[in-house]
Amino acid sequence: MGDTIAYIILAISLFYTFFEPFIGGLIVGFISGIYFSSHILLRGQQFREFLITDGIFKSFVFIATLAAFLISAPGMALGLLLGTFGRHLFKK
């Protein structure tokens, strides 16, 4: 039941993104953050190993990509951040 409601909200907010990109992106990012919070946090913890094994240049490209994502889709980036850390905080 909860997944069905999330899918409906996701579909509506994805459609709403065409008319109001910030609010629609915020909702899409929030739901994505809730669903993928454990994966995002795991990758964040493994970032130090990524820096060591893949080198500074690939790390720079990755950080530049994240910065571009934040600039081009601020609502989605903020929603992803809120969903990820909100689920992590309320899970405990």
N, C-alpha and C. Protein backbone atom coordinates (compact mmCIF):
# COMPACT_ATOMS: atom_id res chain seq x y z
N MET A 1 0.82 -1.20 0.00
CA MET A 1 0.00 0.00 0.00
C MET A 1 0.87 1.26 0.00
N GLY A 2 1.91 1.27 0.84
CA GLY A 2 2.79 2.42 0.90
C GLY A 2 3.54 2.65 -0.41
N ASP A 3 3.97 1.55 -1.03
CA ASP A 3 4.67 1.67 -2.31
C ASP A 3 3.75 2.22 -3.39
N THR A 4 2.51 1.79 -3.40
CA THR A 4 1.55 2.26 -4.39
C THR A 4 1.34 3.77 -4.26
N ILE A 5 1.20 4.24 -3.04
CA ILE A 5 1.03 5.68 -2.82
C ILE A 5 2.27 6.44 -3.27
N ALA A 6 3.44 5.90 -2.95
CA ALA A 6 4.69 6.55 -3.37
C ALA A 6 4.80 6.60 -4.90
N TYR A 7 4.39 5.53 -5.59
CA TYR A 7 4.45 5.51 -7.05
C TYR A 7 3.49 6.53 -7.65
N ILE A 8 2.31 6.66 -7.07
CA ILE A 8 1.34 7.63 -7.57
C ILE A 8 1.85 9.05 -7.36
N ILE A 9 2.39 9.32 -6.17
CA ILE A 9 2.95 10.65 -5.90
C ILE A 9 4.13 10.92 -6.82
N LEU A 10 4.95 9.92 -7.06
CA LEU A 10 6.09 10.07 -7.95
C LEU A 10 5.64 10.40 -9.37
N ALA A 11 4.64 9.71 -9.86
CA ALA A 11 4.13 9.96 -11.21
C ALA A 11 3.54 11.36 -11.32
N ILE A 12 2.78 11.77 -10.32
CA ILE A 12 2.18 13.11 -10.35
C ILE A 12 3.26 14.18 -10.27
N SER A 13 4.23 13.99 -9.39
CA SER A 13 5.28 15.00 -9.26
C SER A 13 6.19 15.03 -10.48
N LEU A 14 6.39 13.91 -11.13
CA LEU A 14 7.17 13.90 -12.37
C LEU A 14 6.45 14.71 -13.45
N PHE A 15 5.15 14.56 -13.55
CA PHE A 15 4.36 15.36 -14.49
C PHE A 15 4.36 16.83 -14.07
N TYR A 16 4.31 17.09 -12.78
CA TYR A 16 4.30 18.46 -12.25
C TYR A 16 5.63 19.17 -12.49
N THR A 17 6.70 18.40 -12.66
CA THR A 17 8.02 18.97 -12.92
C THR A 17 8.06 19.77 -14.21
N PHE A 18 7.21 19.43 -15.17
CA PHE A 18 7.17 20.19 -16.42
C PHE A 18 6.67 21.61 -16.19
N PHE A 19 5.81 21.81 -15.22
CA PHE A 19 5.21 23.12 -14.97
C PHE A 19 5.90 23.89 -13.84
N GLU A 20 6.35 23.19 -12.84
CA GLU A 20 7.03 23.80 -11.69
C GLU A 20 8.24 22.93 -11.36
N PRO A 21 9.38 23.19 -12.02
CA PRO A 21 10.53 22.27 -11.90
C PRO A 21 11.08 22.16 -10.48
N PHE A 22 11.10 23.22 -9.72
CA PHE A 22 11.69 23.14 -8.39
C PHE A 22 10.87 22.26 -7.46
N ILE A 23 9.56 22.51 -7.38
CA ILE A 23 8.69 21.75 -6.47
C ILE A 23 8.57 20.29 -6.93
N GLY A 24 8.38 20.08 -8.23
CA GLY A 24 8.29 18.72 -8.74
C GLY A 24 9.58 17.94 -8.52
N GLY A 25 10.71 18.60 -8.77
CA GLY A 25 12.00 17.96 -8.53
C GLY A 25 12.25 17.68 -7.07
N LEU A 26 11.77 18.57 -6.21
CA LEU A 26 11.91 18.37 -4.76
C LEU A 26 11.18 17.10 -4.33
N ILE A 27 9.98 16.91 -4.83
CA ILE A 27 9.19 15.73 -4.46
C ILE A 27 9.82 14.45 -5.04
N VAL A 28 10.23 14.51 -6.30
CA VAL A 28 10.87 13.34 -6.93
C VAL A 28 12.16 12.99 -6.19
N GLY A 29 12.95 14.01 -5.87
CA GLY A 29 14.19 13.77 -5.14
C GLY A 29 13.95 13.22 -3.75
N PHE A 30 12.91 13.71 -3.08
CA PHE A 30 12.61 13.22 -1.74
C PHE A 30 12.22 11.74 -1.76
N ILE A 31 11.37 11.36 -2.68
CA ILE A 31 10.97 9.95 -2.77
C ILE A 31 12.16 9.09 -3.17
N SER A 32 12.99 9.57 -4.09
CA SER A 32 14.19 8.82 -4.47
C SER A 32 15.14 8.69 -3.30
N GLY A 33 15.28 9.75 -2.51
CA GLY A 33 16.14 9.70 -1.34
C GLY A 33 15.66 8.69 -0.31
N ILE A 34 14.35 8.60 -0.15
CA ILE A 34 13.80 7.62 0.79
C ILE A 34 14.08 6.20 0.30
N TYR A 35 13.87 5.96 -0.99
CA TYR A 35 14.05 4.61 -1.52
C TYR A 35 15.51 4.19 -1.60
N PHE A 36 16.41 5.12 -1.89
CA PHE A 36 17.81 4.76 -2.11
C PHE A 36 18.73 5.28 -1.01
N SER A 37 18.21 5.58 0.16
CA SER A 37 19.03 6.17 1.22
C SER A 37 20.16 5.25 1.66
N SER A 38 19.90 3.97 1.80
CA SER A 38 20.97 3.07 2.25
C SER A 38 22.08 2.97 1.21
N HIS A 39 21.72 2.97 -0.07
CA HIS A 39 22.73 2.89 -1.13
C HIS A 39 23.54 4.18 -1.20
N ILE A 40 22.88 5.31 -1.06
CA ILE A 40 23.57 6.60 -1.12
C ILE A 40 24.53 6.74 0.05
N LEU A 41 24.09 6.38 1.24
CA LEU A 41 24.96 6.49 2.41
C LEU A 41 26.13 5.52 2.32
N LEU A 42 25.91 4.33 1.78
CA LEU A 42 26.99 3.37 1.60
C LEU A 42 28.03 3.90 0.63
N ARG A 43 27.58 4.47 -0.48
CA ARG A 43 28.52 5.04 -1.45
C ARG A 43 29.26 6.24 -0.87
N GLY A 44 28.60 7.00 -0.02
CA GLY A 44 29.26 8.12 0.64
C GLY A 44 30.36 7.66 1.56
N GLN A 45 30.15 6.55 2.24
CA GLN A 45 31.18 6.01 3.13
C GLN A 45 32.34 5.42 2.34
N GLN A 46 32.08 4.95 1.14
CA GLN A 46 33.12 4.36 0.31
C GLN A 46 33.84 5.38 -0.55
N PHE A 47 33.50 6.67 -0.41
CA PHE A 47 34.09 7.69 -1.27
C PHE A 47 35.58 7.84 -1.03
N ARG A 48 36.03 7.65 0.19
CA ARG A 48 37.46 7.76 0.49
C ARG A 48 38.25 6.70 -0.28
N GLU A 49 37.74 5.48 -0.33
CA GLU A 49 38.40 4.43 -1.10
C GLU A 49 38.37 4.74 -2.59
N PHE A 50 37.28 5.37 -3.04
CA PHE A 50 37.17 5.78 -4.44
C PHE A 50 38.27 6.79 -4.77
N LEU A 51 38.51 7.73 -3.86
CA LEU A 51 39.58 8.71 -4.07
C LEU A 51 40.95 8.05 -4.16
N ILE A 52 41.17 7.08 -3.31
CA ILE A 52 42.48 6.42 -3.27
C ILE A 52 42.69 5.54 -4.50
N THR A 53 41.69 4.74 -4.87
CA THR A 53 41.88 3.77 -5.95
C THR A 53 41.78 4.39 -7.34
N ASP A 54 40.83 5.31 -7.55
CA ASP A 54 40.62 5.84 -8.90
C ASP A 54 41.38 7.13 -9.18
N GLY A 55 41.93 7.74 -8.18
CA GLY A 55 42.74 8.92 -8.42
C GLY A 55 41.97 10.22 -8.32
N ILE A 56 42.72 11.29 -8.32
CA ILE A 56 42.17 12.61 -8.10
C ILE A 56 41.39 13.13 -9.31
N PHE A 57 41.76 12.74 -10.52
CA PHE A 57 41.10 13.27 -11.71
C PHE A 57 39.68 12.73 -11.86
N LYS A 58 39.49 11.44 -11.63
CA LYS A 58 38.13 10.88 -11.68
C LYS A 58 37.29 11.43 -10.54
N SER A 59 37.90 11.66 -9.41
CA SER A 59 37.19 12.25 -8.28
C SER A 59 36.76 13.67 -8.59
N PHE A 60 37.61 14.42 -9.28
CA PHE A 60 37.25 15.78 -9.67
C PHE A 60 36.08 15.78 -10.64
N VAL A 61 36.08 14.86 -11.59
CA VAL A 61 34.96 14.76 -12.53
C VAL A 61 33.67 14.42 -11.79
N PHE A 62 33.76 13.52 -10.84
CA PHE A 62 32.58 13.14 -10.05
C PHE A 62 32.05 14.32 -9.24
N ILE A 63 32.93 15.07 -8.60
CA ILE A 63 32.52 16.22 -7.81
C ILE A 63 31.95 17.31 -8.71
N ALA A 64 32.53 17.52 -9.89
CA ALA A 64 31.99 18.49 -10.83
C ALA A 64 30.60 18.09 -11.32
N THR A 65 30.40 16.79 -11.50
CA THR A 65 29.08 16.30 -11.90
C THR A 65 28.05 16.55 -10.81
N LEU A 66 28.42 16.31 -9.56
CA LEU A 66 27.51 16.61 -8.45
C LEU A 66 27.21 18.10 -8.35
N ALA A 67 28.21 18.94 -8.58
CA ALA A 67 27.99 20.38 -8.55
C ALA A 67 27.05 20.82 -9.68
N ALA A 68 27.22 20.26 -10.86
CA ALA A 68 26.33 20.57 -11.98
C ALA A 68 24.90 20.11 -11.70
N PHE A 69 24.77 18.95 -11.07
CA PHE A 69 23.44 18.46 -10.68
C PHE A 69 22.78 19.41 -9.69
N LEU A 70 23.55 19.91 -8.74
CA LEU A 70 23.03 20.85 -7.76
C LEU A 70 22.61 22.16 -8.42
N ILE A 71 23.38 22.63 -9.38
CA ILE A 71 23.07 23.88 -10.05
C ILE A 71 21.88 23.74 -11.00
N SER A 72 21.85 22.66 -11.77
CA SER A 72 20.81 22.51 -12.78
C SER A 72 19.48 22.01 -12.22
N ALA A 73 19.52 21.27 -11.15
CA ALA A 73 18.29 20.73 -10.56
C ALA A 73 18.34 20.90 -9.05
N PRO A 74 18.24 22.14 -8.56
CA PRO A 74 18.39 22.34 -7.11
C PRO A 74 17.27 21.70 -6.29
N GLY A 75 16.06 21.68 -6.82
CA GLY A 75 14.96 21.06 -6.09
C GLY A 75 15.16 19.57 -5.92
N MET A 76 15.58 18.93 -6.99
CA MET A 76 15.79 17.49 -6.90
C MET A 76 16.96 17.16 -5.98
N ALA A 77 18.02 17.94 -6.06
CA ALA A 77 19.18 17.71 -5.19
C ALA A 77 18.80 17.91 -3.72
N LEU A 78 18.04 18.96 -3.44
CA LEU A 78 17.60 19.22 -2.07
C LEU A 78 16.65 18.13 -1.58
N GLY A 79 15.73 17.70 -2.43
CA GLY A 79 14.82 16.63 -2.06
C GLY A 79 15.54 15.33 -1.81
N LEU A 80 16.54 15.02 -2.63
CA LEU A 80 17.33 13.81 -2.44
C LEU A 80 18.07 13.86 -1.11
N LEU A 81 18.62 15.01 -0.80
CA LEU A 81 19.32 15.18 0.47
C LEU A 81 18.37 15.02 1.65
N LEU A 82 17.22 15.66 1.58
CA LEU A 82 16.23 15.57 2.66
C LEU A 82 15.70 14.16 2.84
N GLY A 83 15.39 13.49 1.74
CA GLY A 83 14.89 12.12 1.81
C GLY A 83 15.91 11.14 2.35
N THR A 84 17.15 11.29 1.92
CA THR A 84 18.21 10.38 2.36
C THR A 84 18.47 10.52 3.85
N PHE A 85 18.74 11.74 4.29
CA PHE A 85 19.08 11.92 5.69
C PHE A 85 17.86 11.89 6.60
N GLY A 86 16.70 12.24 6.07
CA GLY A 86 15.48 12.14 6.87
C GLY A 86 15.15 10.70 7.19
N ARG A 87 15.26 9.84 6.21
CA ARG A 87 15.00 8.41 6.47
C ARG A 87 16.03 7.84 7.42
N HIS A 88 17.27 8.26 7.26
CA HIS A 88 18.34 7.75 8.12
C HIS A 88 18.12 8.22 9.57
N LEU A 89 17.67 9.44 9.76
CA LEU A 89 17.44 9.95 11.12
C LEU A 89 16.22 9.31 11.76
N PHE A 90 15.14 9.15 11.00
CA PHE A 90 13.92 8.59 11.56
C PHE A 90 13.97 7.08 11.69
N LYS A 91 14.90 6.45 10.97
CA LYS A 91 15.05 5.00 11.06
C LYS A 91 15.55 4.60 12.44
N LYS A 92 16.40 5.42 13.02
CA LYS A 92 16.92 5.12 14.36
C LYS A 92 15.93 5.59 15.36
